[in-house]
């Protein structure tokens, strides 16, 4: 699994998370401060807070629920910005907690097959490399499959990660059949008794029927070698796309039977609240989040730490 690591001071999990979410937390902190400095919690401030939360991509329904919860005990009373952020942090952590589930690797499957999917530009191939490093660091043998056969750059990028992490990479020529390559990768991983096989796929828009059909074909072909596979389908999302991430999950969940999410580029947006919207609407496991470019910036998802970093508590 992607395990949580102990805090090691400046470079610990919370420090990186706080730094990565600084754009989102700064927007929320400054907005809350401007609303609640010397102000009572009344209908006007509640409406302003709700608008602020919606602007952070927390979602209309969730923003309404959060402000209603805040009003239960504190309506028409003086409340400080810090108190508002502390209450919001607790409520957001409660929403996120059921979705904070590590990536479990089942040792009964040799290999445990994971298909990585997502639209173009989410950082999917890089995420695969970082994930491979984490899994290898946990003592697991890992193999990568360069199933994005549309782009030479994607094949080369995964090959570079394979060398960097010292794991084998199954790859073919540009334009090769992605399903055929997935079949070969499963066959090779079975022969070599590999623990985890991570299969990259071409980035695709959720409204392209042909490309979505290819994902279904990859699944069918994998099952010819291992009827129980794939054992996970992880959708990689780009936090900077905001509310568009909701429609991506909707379609990929239907077409590719997504089992979990990884959210990248949270350090590049002031709208990190999108993760709250996703957890509230879909309840899919959130395995990890990316809060920077470094390998260690792919972090296991911790609901409490995320909520605290997002709200600046």
C-alpha atoms as a PDB file:
ATOM      1  CA  UNK A   1       0.000   0.000   0.000  1.00  0.00           C
ATOM      2  CA  UNK A   2       0.995   3.648  -0.136  1.00  0.00           C
ATOM      3  CA  UNK A   3       1.842   3.981   3.521  1.00  0.00           C
ATOM      4  CA  UNK A   4       1.884   7.094   5.651  1.00  0.00           C
ATOM      5  CA  UNK A   5       5.286   8.248   6.711  1.00  0.00           C
ATOM      6  CA  UNK A   6       6.199   9.751  10.074  1.00  0.00           C
ATOM      7  CA  UNK A   7       6.743  13.483  10.253  1.00  0.00           C
ATOM      8  CA  UNK A   8      10.413  14.368  10.020  1.00  0.00           C
ATOM      9  CA  UNK A   9      10.214  18.071  10.728  1.00  0.00           C
ATOM     10  CA  UNK A  10      10.560  20.497   7.863  1.00  0.00           C
ATOM     11  CA  UNK A  11      10.445  17.816   5.170  1.00  0.00           C
ATOM     12  CA  UNK A  12       7.663  15.799   6.790  1.00  0.00           C
ATOM     13  CA  UNK A  13       4.307  14.975   5.286  1.00  0.00           C
ATOM     14  CA  UNK A  14       2.428  17.901   6.803  1.00  0.00           C
ATOM     15  CA  UNK A  15       5.167  20.390   5.900  1.00  0.00           C
ATOM     16  CA  UNK A  16       5.080  19.344   2.245  1.00  0.00           C
ATOM     17  CA  UNK A  17       1.294  19.233   2.246  1.00  0.00           C
ATOM     18  CA  UNK A  18       1.053  22.693   3.778  1.00  0.00           C
ATOM     19  CA  UNK A  19       3.535  24.099   1.266  1.00  0.00           C
ATOM     20  CA  UNK A  20       1.806  22.376  -1.646  1.00  0.00           C
ATOM     21  CA  UNK A  21      -1.626  23.649  -0.668  1.00  0.00           C
ATOM     22  CA  UNK A  22      -0.424  27.170   0.110  1.00  0.00           C
ATOM     23  CA  UNK A  23      -2.267  28.757  -2.837  1.00  0.00           C
ATOM     24  CA  UNK A  24      -5.564  27.179  -1.817  1.00  0.00           C
ATOM     25  CA  UNK A  25      -5.133  27.873   1.904  1.00  0.00           C
ATOM     26  CA  UNK A  26      -4.021  31.477   1.328  1.00  0.00           C
ATOM     27  CA  UNK A  27      -7.162  32.165  -0.713  1.00  0.00           C
ATOM     28  CA  UNK A  28      -9.374  30.659   1.989  1.00  0.00           C
ATOM     29  CA  UNK A  29      -7.550  32.294   4.905  1.00  0.00           C
ATOM     30  CA  UNK A  30      -7.578  35.775   3.413  1.00  0.00           C
ATOM     31  CA  UNK A  31     -11.205  35.419   2.357  1.00  0.00           C
ATOM     32  CA  UNK A  32     -12.323  34.238   5.794  1.00  0.00           C
ATOM     33  CA  UNK A  33     -10.304  36.979   7.488  1.00  0.00           C
ATOM     34  CA  UNK A  34     -11.948  39.672   5.385  1.00  0.00           C
ATOM     35  CA  UNK A  35     -15.420  38.306   6.132  1.00  0.00           C
ATOM     36  CA  UNK A  36     -15.144  37.616   9.859  1.00  0.00           C
ATOM     37  CA  UNK A  37     -12.847  40.272  11.304  1.00  0.00           C
ATOM     38  CA  UNK A  38     -15.025  41.877  14.022  1.00  0.00           C
ATOM     39  CA  UNK A  39     -18.151  40.385  12.459  1.00  0.00           C
ATOM     40  CA  UNK A  40     -20.983  38.291  13.830  1.00  0.00           C
ATOM     41  CA  UNK A  41     -22.041  35.099  12.148  1.00  0.00           C
ATOM     42  CA  UNK A  42     -25.222  36.316  10.492  1.00  0.00           C
ATOM     43  CA  UNK A  43     -27.049  35.705   7.209  1.00  0.00           C
ATOM     44  CA  UNK A  44     -24.782  38.096   5.300  1.00  0.00           C
ATOM     45  CA  UNK A  45     -21.486  36.592   6.512  1.00  0.00           C
ATOM     46  CA  UNK A  46     -22.800  33.077   5.954  1.00  0.00           C
ATOM     47  CA  UNK A  47     -23.665  33.920   2.368  1.00  0.00           C
ATOM     48  CA  UNK A  48     -20.237  35.468   1.813  1.00  0.00           C
ATOM     49  CA  UNK A  49     -18.566  32.389   3.291  1.00  0.00           C
ATOM     50  CA  UNK A  50     -20.635  30.109   1.095  1.00  0.00           C
ATOM     51  CA  UNK A  51     -19.580  32.070  -1.994  1.00  0.00           C
ATOM     52  CA  UNK A  52     -15.924  31.814  -0.901  1.00  0.00           C
ATOM     53  CA  UNK A  53     -16.165  28.047  -0.467  1.00  0.00           C
ATOM     54  CA  UNK A  54     -17.811  27.648  -3.871  1.00  0.00           C
ATOM     55  CA  UNK A  55     -15.019  29.717  -5.435  1.00  0.00           C
ATOM     56  CA  UNK A  56     -12.567  27.244  -3.861  1.00  0.00           C
ATOM     57  CA  UNK A  57     -14.347  24.451  -5.805  1.00  0.00           C
ATOM     58  CA  UNK A  58     -15.691  22.815  -2.670  1.00  0.00           C
ATOM     59  CA  UNK A  59     -19.035  22.599  -4.449  1.00  0.00           C
ATOM     60  CA  UNK A  60     -22.423  24.239  -3.956  1.00  0.00           C
ATOM     61  CA  UNK A  61     -24.020  21.456  -1.913  1.00  0.00           C
ATOM     62  CA  UNK A  62     -20.981  20.967   0.304  1.00  0.00           C
ATOM     63  CA  UNK A  63     -20.569  24.729   0.809  1.00  0.00           C
ATOM     64  CA  UNK A  64     -24.203  24.923   1.865  1.00  0.00           C
ATOM     65  CA  UNK A  65     -23.778  22.023   4.297  1.00  0.00           C
ATOM     66  CA  UNK A  66     -20.612  23.497   5.816  1.00  0.00           C
ATOM     67  CA  UNK A  67     -22.113  26.925   6.403  1.00  0.00           C
ATOM     68  CA  UNK A  68     -25.272  25.360   7.871  1.00  0.00           C
ATOM     69  CA  UNK A  69     -23.132  23.341  10.286  1.00  0.00           C
ATOM     70  CA  UNK A  70     -21.259  26.490  11.296  1.00  0.00           C
ATOM     71  CA  UNK A  71     -24.519  28.311  11.930  1.00  0.00           C
ATOM     72  CA  UNK A  72     -25.922  25.607  14.206  1.00  0.00           C
ATOM     73  CA  UNK A  73     -23.958  26.655  17.274  1.00  0.00           C
ATOM     74  CA  UNK A  74     -22.582  30.081  16.421  1.00  0.00           C
ATOM     75  CA  UNK A  75     -25.313  31.979  14.580  1.00  0.00           C
ATOM     76  CA  UNK A  76     -25.614  35.634  15.652  1.00  0.00           C
ATOM     77  CA  UNK A  77     -22.504  35.303  17.805  1.00  0.00           C
ATOM     78  CA  UNK A  78     -19.079  36.850  17.471  1.00  0.00           C
ATOM     79  CA  UNK A  79     -16.648  34.444  15.856  1.00  0.00           C
ATOM     80  CA  UNK A  80     -12.985  34.828  14.910  1.00  0.00           C
ATOM     81  CA  UNK A  81     -11.468  33.853  11.562  1.00  0.00           C
ATOM     82  CA  UNK A  82      -9.406  31.180  13.336  1.00  0.00           C
ATOM     83  CA  UNK A  83     -12.529  29.642  14.883  1.00  0.00           C
ATOM     84  CA  UNK A  84     -14.226  29.562  11.484  1.00  0.00           C
ATOM     85  CA  UNK A  85     -11.228  27.820   9.916  1.00  0.00           C
ATOM     86  CA  UNK A  86     -10.979  25.318  12.795  1.00  0.00           C
ATOM     87  CA  UNK A  87     -14.644  24.357  12.493  1.00  0.00           C
ATOM     88  CA  UNK A  88     -14.413  24.081   8.708  1.00  0.00           C
ATOM     89  CA  UNK A  89     -11.279  21.947   9.034  1.00  0.00           C
ATOM     90  CA  UNK A  90     -13.048  19.457  11.286  1.00  0.00           C
ATOM     91  CA  UNK A  91     -16.098  19.262   9.024  1.00  0.00           C
ATOM     92  CA  UNK A  92     -14.013  18.862   5.854  1.00  0.00           C
ATOM     93  CA  UNK A  93     -11.921  16.131   7.487  1.00  0.00           C
ATOM     94  CA  UNK A  94     -15.160  14.312   8.313  1.00  0.00           C
ATOM     95  CA  UNK A  95     -16.256  14.444   4.669  1.00  0.00           C
ATOM     96  CA  UNK A  96     -12.874  13.261   3.400  1.00  0.00           C
ATOM     97  CA  UNK A  97     -12.187  10.536   5.973  1.00  0.00           C
ATOM     98  CA  UNK A  98     -14.217   7.744   4.294  1.00  0.00           C
ATOM     99  CA  UNK A  99     -12.348   8.357   1.009  1.00  0.00           C
ATOM    100  CA  UNK A 100      -8.854   8.331   2.550  1.00  0.00           C
ATOM    101  CA  UNK A 101      -7.946   4.734   1.736  1.00  0.00           C
ATOM    102  CA  UNK A 102      -4.419   3.533   0.958  1.00  0.00           C
ATOM    103  CA  UNK A 103      -3.649   1.650  -2.220  1.00  0.00           C
ATOM    104  CA  UNK A 104      -3.756  -1.979  -1.119  1.00  0.00           C
ATOM    105  CA  UNK A 105      -1.609  -4.495  -2.969  1.00  0.00           C
ATOM    106  CA  UNK A 106      -3.039  -8.013  -2.691  1.00  0.00           C
ATOM    107  CA  UNK A 107      -0.194 -10.543  -2.388  1.00  0.00           C
ATOM    108  CA  UNK A 108      -2.578 -13.261  -3.619  1.00  0.00           C
ATOM    109  CA  UNK A 109      -2.278 -11.723  -7.094  1.00  0.00           C
ATOM    110  CA  UNK A 110       1.019 -12.196  -8.901  1.00  0.00           C
ATOM    111  CA  UNK A 111       1.086  -9.643 -10.336  1.00  0.00           C
ATOM    112  CA  UNK A 112      -1.367  -7.201  -8.800  1.00  0.00           C
ATOM    113  CA  UNK A 113      -2.383  -5.423 -12.010  1.00  0.00           C
ATOM    114  CA  UNK A 114      -3.163  -1.701 -11.936  1.00  0.00           C
ATOM    115  CA  UNK A 115      -4.298   0.217 -15.014  1.00  0.00           C
ATOM    116  CA  UNK A 116      -3.653   3.966 -14.885  1.00  0.00           C
ATOM    117  CA  UNK A 117      -6.116   6.175 -16.789  1.00  0.00           C
ATOM    118  CA  UNK A 118      -6.838   9.868 -17.262  1.00  0.00           C
ATOM    119  CA  UNK A 119      -7.095  12.712 -19.738  1.00  0.00           C
ATOM    120  CA  UNK A 120      -4.097  14.346 -21.403  1.00  0.00           C
ATOM    121  CA  UNK A 121      -1.879  16.488 -19.219  1.00  0.00           C
ATOM    122  CA  UNK A 122      -2.750  15.150 -15.762  1.00  0.00           C
ATOM    123  CA  UNK A 123       0.790  13.949 -15.055  1.00  0.00           C
ATOM    124  CA  UNK A 124      -0.216  10.293 -15.329  1.00  0.00           C
ATOM    125  CA  UNK A 125       3.102   8.906 -16.580  1.00  0.00           C
ATOM    126  CA  UNK A 126       5.072  10.835 -13.955  1.00  0.00           C
ATOM    127  CA  UNK A 127       2.667   9.610 -11.277  1.00  0.00           C
ATOM    128  CA  UNK A 128       3.297   6.013 -12.389  1.00  0.00           C
ATOM    129  CA  UNK A 129       7.039   6.540 -11.973  1.00  0.00           C
ATOM    130  CA  UNK A 130       6.620   8.033  -8.499  1.00  0.00           C
ATOM    131  CA  UNK A 131       4.236   5.254  -7.513  1.00  0.00           C
ATOM    132  CA  UNK A 132       6.705   2.638  -8.726  1.00  0.00           C
ATOM    133  CA  UNK A 133       9.424   4.179  -6.566  1.00  0.00           C
ATOM    134  CA  UNK A 134       7.192   4.114  -3.487  1.00  0.00           C
ATOM    135  CA  UNK A 135       6.143   0.517  -4.050  1.00  0.00           C
ATOM    136  CA  UNK A 136       9.718  -0.614  -4.656  1.00  0.00           C
ATOM    137  CA  UNK A 137      10.744   1.208  -1.491  1.00  0.00           C
ATOM    138  CA  UNK A 138       8.251  -0.994   0.349  1.00  0.00           C
ATOM    139  CA  UNK A 139      10.074  -4.090  -0.882  1.00  0.00           C
ATOM    140  CA  UNK A 140       7.768  -4.967  -3.770  1.00  0.00           C
ATOM    141  CA  UNK A 141       8.932  -5.964  -7.229  1.00  0.00           C
ATOM    142  CA  UNK A 142       7.410  -3.678  -9.852  1.00  0.00           C
ATOM    143  CA  UNK A 143       7.047  -3.740 -13.626  1.00  0.00           C
ATOM    144  CA  UNK A 144       5.865  -0.890 -15.871  1.00  0.00           C
ATOM    145  CA  UNK A 145       4.047  -1.178 -19.188  1.00  0.00           C
ATOM    146  CA  UNK A 146       4.180   1.717 -21.666  1.00  0.00           C
ATOM    147  CA  UNK A 147       0.610   1.360 -22.902  1.00  0.00           C
ATOM    148  CA  UNK A 148       0.434   4.952 -24.162  1.00  0.00           C
ATOM    149  CA  UNK A 149       1.453   3.867 -27.633  1.00  0.00           C
ATOM    150  CA  UNK A 150       0.179   7.055 -29.253  1.00  0.00           C
ATOM    151  CA  UNK A 151       3.093   9.210 -28.093  1.00  0.00           C
ATOM    152  CA  UNK A 152       6.779   8.454 -28.445  1.00  0.00           C
ATOM    153  CA  UNK A 153       7.430  10.926 -25.618  1.00  0.00           C
ATOM    154  CA  UNK A 154       5.241   8.937 -23.219  1.00  0.00           C
ATOM    155  CA  UNK A 155       7.063   5.697 -24.019  1.00  0.00           C
ATOM    156  CA  UNK A 156      10.435   7.379 -23.549  1.00  0.00           C
ATOM    157  CA  UNK A 157       9.322   9.087 -20.340  1.00  0.00           C
ATOM    158  CA  UNK A 158       8.254   5.781 -18.800  1.00  0.00           C
ATOM    159  CA  UNK A 159      11.510   4.156 -19.943  1.00  0.00           C
ATOM    160  CA  UNK A 160      13.440   6.918 -18.164  1.00  0.00           C
ATOM    161  CA  UNK A 161      11.445   6.316 -14.984  1.00  0.00           C
ATOM    162  CA  UNK A 162      12.147   2.598 -15.280  1.00  0.00           C
ATOM    163  CA  UNK A 163      15.896   3.258 -15.356  1.00  0.00           C
ATOM    164  CA  UNK A 164      15.656   5.784 -12.526  1.00  0.00           C
ATOM    165  CA  UNK A 165      13.722   3.428 -10.264  1.00  0.00           C
ATOM    166  CA  UNK A 166      15.472   0.296 -11.589  1.00  0.00           C
ATOM    167  CA  UNK A 167      12.337  -1.572 -12.660  1.00  0.00           C
ATOM    168  CA  UNK A 168      11.675  -3.328 -15.989  1.00  0.00           C
ATOM    169  CA  UNK A 169       9.545  -1.572 -18.614  1.00  0.00           C
ATOM    170  CA  UNK A 170       7.567  -3.393 -21.302  1.00  0.00           C
ATOM    171  CA  UNK A 171       7.283  -1.175 -24.360  1.00  0.00           C
ATOM    172  CA  UNK A 172       6.563  -1.387 -28.073  1.00  0.00           C
ATOM    173  CA  UNK A 173       6.703   0.836 -31.114  1.00  0.00           C
ATOM    174  CA  UNK A 174       4.690   4.026 -31.490  1.00  0.00           C
ATOM    175  CA  UNK A 175       1.277   3.106 -32.831  1.00  0.00           C
ATOM    176  CA  UNK A 176       1.404  -0.471 -31.547  1.00  0.00           C
ATOM    177  CA  UNK A 177      -1.786  -2.051 -30.229  1.00  0.00           C
ATOM    178  CA  UNK A 178      -2.125  -0.974 -26.585  1.00  0.00           C
ATOM    179  CA  UNK A 179      -4.215  -4.008 -25.624  1.00  0.00           C
ATOM    180  CA  UNK A 180      -1.649  -6.358 -27.158  1.00  0.00           C
ATOM    181  CA  UNK A 181       1.112  -4.651 -25.184  1.00  0.00           C
ATOM    182  CA  UNK A 182      -0.925  -4.992 -21.964  1.00  0.00           C
ATOM    183  CA  UNK A 183      -1.339  -8.715 -22.683  1.00  0.00           C
ATOM    184  CA  UNK A 184       2.405  -9.104 -23.179  1.00  0.00           C
ATOM    185  CA  UNK A 185       3.129  -7.173 -19.969  1.00  0.00           C
ATOM    186  CA  UNK A 186       0.852  -9.406 -17.901  1.00  0.00           C
ATOM    187  CA  UNK A 187       2.460 -12.494 -19.439  1.00  0.00           C
ATOM    188  CA  UNK A 188       5.974 -11.202 -18.638  1.00  0.00           C
ATOM    189  CA  UNK A 189       5.005 -10.147 -15.091  1.00  0.00           C
ATOM    190  CA  UNK A 190       3.509 -13.575 -14.406  1.00  0.00           C
ATOM    191  CA  UNK A 191       6.618 -15.300 -15.726  1.00  0.00           C
ATOM    192  CA  UNK A 192       8.910 -13.149 -13.570  1.00  0.00           C
ATOM    193  CA  UNK A 193       6.696 -13.441 -10.454  1.00  0.00           C
ATOM    194  CA  UNK A 194       6.343  -9.644 -10.231  1.00  0.00           C
ATOM    195  CA  UNK A 195       4.354  -8.201  -7.319  1.00  0.00           C
ATOM    196  CA  UNK A 196       2.866  -5.142  -9.040  1.00  0.00           C
ATOM    197  CA  UNK A 197       2.313  -4.329 -12.714  1.00  0.00           C
ATOM    198  CA  UNK A 198       1.511  -0.685 -13.494  1.00  0.00           C
ATOM    199  CA  UNK A 199       0.071  -0.191 -16.983  1.00  0.00           C
ATOM    200  CA  UNK A 200       0.169   3.287 -18.495  1.00  0.00           C
ATOM    201  CA  UNK A 201      -2.536   4.160 -21.027  1.00  0.00           C
ATOM    202  CA  UNK A 202      -2.962   6.954 -23.535  1.00  0.00           C
ATOM    203  CA  UNK A 203      -4.363  10.180 -22.195  1.00  0.00           C
ATOM    204  CA  UNK A 204      -7.866  10.527 -23.535  1.00  0.00           C
ATOM    205  CA  UNK A 205     -10.713  12.986 -23.359  1.00  0.00           C
ATOM    206  CA  UNK A 206     -13.737  11.547 -21.617  1.00  0.00           C
ATOM    207  CA  UNK A 207     -15.933  12.400 -24.638  1.00  0.00           C
ATOM    208  CA  UNK A 208     -13.913  10.400 -27.192  1.00  0.00           C
ATOM    209  CA  UNK A 209     -15.848   7.151 -27.644  1.00  0.00           C
ATOM    210  CA  UNK A 210     -13.128   5.347 -29.619  1.00  0.00           C
ATOM    211  CA  UNK A 211     -10.429   5.920 -27.045  1.00  0.00           C
ATOM    212  CA  UNK A 212     -12.753   4.982 -24.197  1.00  0.00           C
ATOM    213  CA  UNK A 213     -13.584   1.749 -26.053  1.00  0.00           C
ATOM    214  CA  UNK A 214      -9.863   0.995 -26.173  1.00  0.00           C
ATOM    215  CA  UNK A 215      -9.761   1.010 -22.370  1.00  0.00           C
ATOM    216  CA  UNK A 216     -12.526  -1.575 -22.328  1.00  0.00           C
ATOM    217  CA  UNK A 217     -10.505  -3.672 -24.798  1.00  0.00           C
ATOM    218  CA  UNK A 218      -7.411  -3.475 -22.587  1.00  0.00           C
ATOM    219  CA  UNK A 219      -9.455  -4.834 -19.682  1.00  0.00           C
ATOM    220  CA  UNK A 220     -10.836  -7.694 -21.778  1.00  0.00           C
ATOM    221  CA  UNK A 221      -7.366  -8.658 -22.999  1.00  0.00           C
ATOM    222  CA  UNK A 222      -5.873  -8.571 -19.493  1.00  0.00           C
ATOM    223  CA  UNK A 223      -8.568 -11.010 -18.377  1.00  0.00           C
ATOM    224  CA  UNK A 224      -7.478 -13.508 -21.016  1.00  0.00           C
ATOM    225  CA  UNK A 225      -4.229 -13.875 -19.046  1.00  0.00           C
ATOM    226  CA  UNK A 226      -5.670 -13.257 -15.576  1.00  0.00           C
ATOM    227  CA  UNK A 227      -9.462 -13.564 -15.196  1.00  0.00           C
ATOM    228  CA  UNK A 228      -9.321 -11.652 -11.898  1.00  0.00           C
ATOM    229  CA  UNK A 229      -7.563  -8.619 -13.413  1.00  0.00           C
ATOM    230  CA  UNK A 230      -7.160  -5.760 -13.505  1.00  0.00           C
ATOM    231  CA  UNK A 231      -7.119  -5.484  -9.726  1.00  0.00           C
ATOM    232  CA  UNK A 232      -7.257  -1.705  -9.745  1.00  0.00           C
ATOM    233  CA  UNK A 233      -8.038   1.099 -12.179  1.00  0.00           C
ATOM    234  CA  UNK A 234      -6.673   4.405 -10.938  1.00  0.00           C
ATOM    235  CA  UNK A 235      -7.852   7.671 -12.453  1.00  0.00           C
ATOM    236  CA  UNK A 236      -5.231  10.428 -12.301  1.00  0.00           C
ATOM    237  CA  UNK A 237      -6.812  13.889 -12.055  1.00  0.00           C
ATOM    238  CA  UNK A 238      -5.336  17.364 -12.436  1.00  0.00           C
ATOM    239  CA  UNK A 239      -6.487  19.670  -9.624  1.00  0.00           C
ATOM    240  CA  UNK A 240      -6.124  22.747 -11.827  1.00  0.00           C
ATOM    241  CA  UNK A 241      -9.071  21.601 -13.958  1.00  0.00           C
ATOM    242  CA  UNK A 242     -11.427  22.369 -11.060  1.00  0.00           C
ATOM    243  CA  UNK A 243     -15.021  21.291 -11.510  1.00  0.00           C
ATOM    244  CA  UNK A 244     -14.202  19.537 -14.797  1.00  0.00           C
ATOM    245  CA  UNK A 245     -12.696  16.778 -12.669  1.00  0.00           C
ATOM    246  CA  UNK A 246     -16.235  15.799 -11.639  1.00  0.00           C
ATOM    247  CA  UNK A 247     -17.289  15.024 -15.215  1.00  0.00           C
ATOM    248  CA  UNK A 248     -14.048  13.108 -15.787  1.00  0.00           C
ATOM    249  CA  UNK A 249     -14.734  10.857 -12.806  1.00  0.00           C
ATOM    250  CA  UNK A 250     -18.329  10.371 -13.920  1.00  0.00           C
ATOM    251  CA  UNK A 251     -17.342   9.054 -17.370  1.00  0.00           C
ATOM    252  CA  UNK A 252     -14.222   7.098 -16.435  1.00  0.00           C
ATOM    253  CA  UNK A 253     -16.090   5.449 -13.562  1.00  0.00           C
ATOM    254  CA  UNK A 254     -18.726   4.257 -16.016  1.00  0.00           C
ATOM    255  CA  UNK A 255     -16.441   3.269 -18.903  1.00  0.00           C
ATOM    256  CA  UNK A 256     -13.311   2.061 -17.126  1.00  0.00           C
ATOM    257  CA  UNK A 257     -14.667   0.828 -13.765  1.00  0.00           C
ATOM    258  CA  UNK A 258     -12.386   3.196 -11.823  1.00  0.00           C
ATOM    259  CA  UNK A 259     -11.534   1.896  -8.353  1.00  0.00           C
ATOM    260  CA  UNK A 260      -9.541   4.835  -6.974  1.00  0.00           C
ATOM    261  CA  UNK A 261      -8.200   8.336  -7.558  1.00  0.00           C
ATOM    262  CA  UNK A 262      -4.883  10.170  -7.442  1.00  0.00           C
ATOM    263  CA  UNK A 263      -5.039  13.963  -7.600  1.00  0.00           C
ATOM    264  CA  UNK A 264      -2.008  15.812  -8.977  1.00  0.00           C
ATOM    265  CA  UNK A 265      -0.912  19.458  -9.213  1.00  0.00           C
ATOM    266  CA  UNK A 266      -2.598  20.604  -6.017  1.00  0.00           C
ATOM    267  CA  UNK A 267       0.328  22.995  -5.612  1.00  0.00           C
ATOM    268  CA  UNK A 268      -0.637  24.745  -8.860  1.00  0.00           C
ATOM    269  CA  UNK A 269      -4.147  25.861  -7.964  1.00  0.00           C
ATOM    270  CA  UNK A 270      -6.060  27.952  -5.431  1.00  0.00           C
ATOM    271  CA  UNK A 271      -9.022  25.588  -5.852  1.00  0.00           C
ATOM    272  CA  UNK A 272      -7.870  22.572  -3.869  1.00  0.00           C
ATOM    273  CA  UNK A 273     -11.379  22.186  -2.515  1.00  0.00           C
ATOM    274  CA  UNK A 274     -12.209  20.115  -5.610  1.00  0.00           C
ATOM    275  CA  UNK A 275     -11.042  17.067  -3.659  1.00  0.00           C
ATOM    276  CA  UNK A 276     -13.829  17.700  -1.139  1.00  0.00           C
ATOM    277  CA  UNK A 277     -16.374  17.836  -3.976  1.00  0.00           C
ATOM    278  CA  UNK A 278     -15.097  14.535  -5.380  1.00  0.00           C
ATOM    279  CA  UNK A 279     -15.202  12.768  -2.028  1.00  0.00           C
ATOM    280  CA  UNK A 280     -18.700  14.040  -1.318  1.00  0.00           C
ATOM    281  CA  UNK A 281     -20.139  13.091  -4.718  1.00  0.00           C
ATOM    282  CA  UNK A 282     -18.418   9.795  -5.532  1.00  0.00           C
ATOM    283  CA  UNK A 283     -16.921   8.354  -2.348  1.00  0.00           C
ATOM    284  CA  UNK A 284     -14.151   6.688  -4.379  1.00  0.00           C
ATOM    285  CA  UNK A 285     -10.909   5.938  -2.533  1.00  0.00           C
ATOM    286  CA  UNK A 286      -8.388   8.757  -2.796  1.00  0.00           C
ATOM    287  CA  UNK A 287      -5.084   6.904  -2.675  1.00  0.00           C
ATOM    288  CA  UNK A 288      -2.610   9.740  -3.008  1.00  0.00           C
ATOM    289  CA  UNK A 289      -2.165  13.395  -3.897  1.00  0.00           C
ATOM    290  CA  UNK A 290       0.579  15.302  -5.690  1.00  0.00           C
ATOM    291  CA  UNK A 291       1.701  18.550  -4.091  1.00  0.00           C
ATOM    292  CA  UNK A 292       4.876  19.228  -6.084  1.00  0.00           C
ATOM    293  CA  UNK A 293       7.294  17.979  -8.731  1.00  0.00           C
ATOM    294  CA  UNK A 294       9.538  15.876  -6.516  1.00  0.00           C
ATOM    295  CA  UNK A 295       9.202  12.117  -6.022  1.00  0.00           C
ATOM    296  CA  UNK A 296       8.381  12.628  -2.338  1.00  0.00           C
ATOM    297  CA  UNK A 297       5.618  15.061  -3.261  1.00  0.00           C
ATOM    298  CA  UNK A 298       3.305  12.164  -4.188  1.00  0.00           C
ATOM    299  CA  UNK A 299       1.823  11.697  -0.752  1.00  0.00           C
ATOM    300  CA  UNK A 300      -0.568   9.183   0.786  1.00  0.00           C
ATOM    301  CA  UNK A 301      -3.882  10.933   1.306  1.00  0.00           C
ATOM    302  CA  UNK A 302      -4.549  11.878   4.923  1.00  0.00           C
ATOM    303  CA  UNK A 303      -7.987  13.483   5.451  1.00  0.00           C
ATOM    304  CA  UNK A 304      -7.140  15.370   8.663  1.00  0.00           C
ATOM    305  CA  UNK A 305      -3.787  16.651   7.416  1.00  0.00           C
ATOM    306  CA  UNK A 306      -5.322  17.725   4.123  1.00  0.00           C
ATOM    307  CA  UNK A 307      -8.227  19.562   5.798  1.00  0.00           C
ATOM    308  CA  UNK A 308      -5.855  21.367   8.163  1.00  0.00           C
ATOM    309  CA  UNK A 309      -3.491  22.356   5.343  1.00  0.00           C
ATOM    310  CA  UNK A 310      -6.392  23.495   3.127  1.00  0.00           C
ATOM    311  CA  UNK A 311      -7.943  25.707   5.808  1.00  0.00           C
ATOM    312  CA  UNK A 312      -4.604  26.909   7.207  1.00  0.00           C
ATOM    313  CA  UNK A 313      -5.259  25.673  10.729  1.00  0.00           C
END
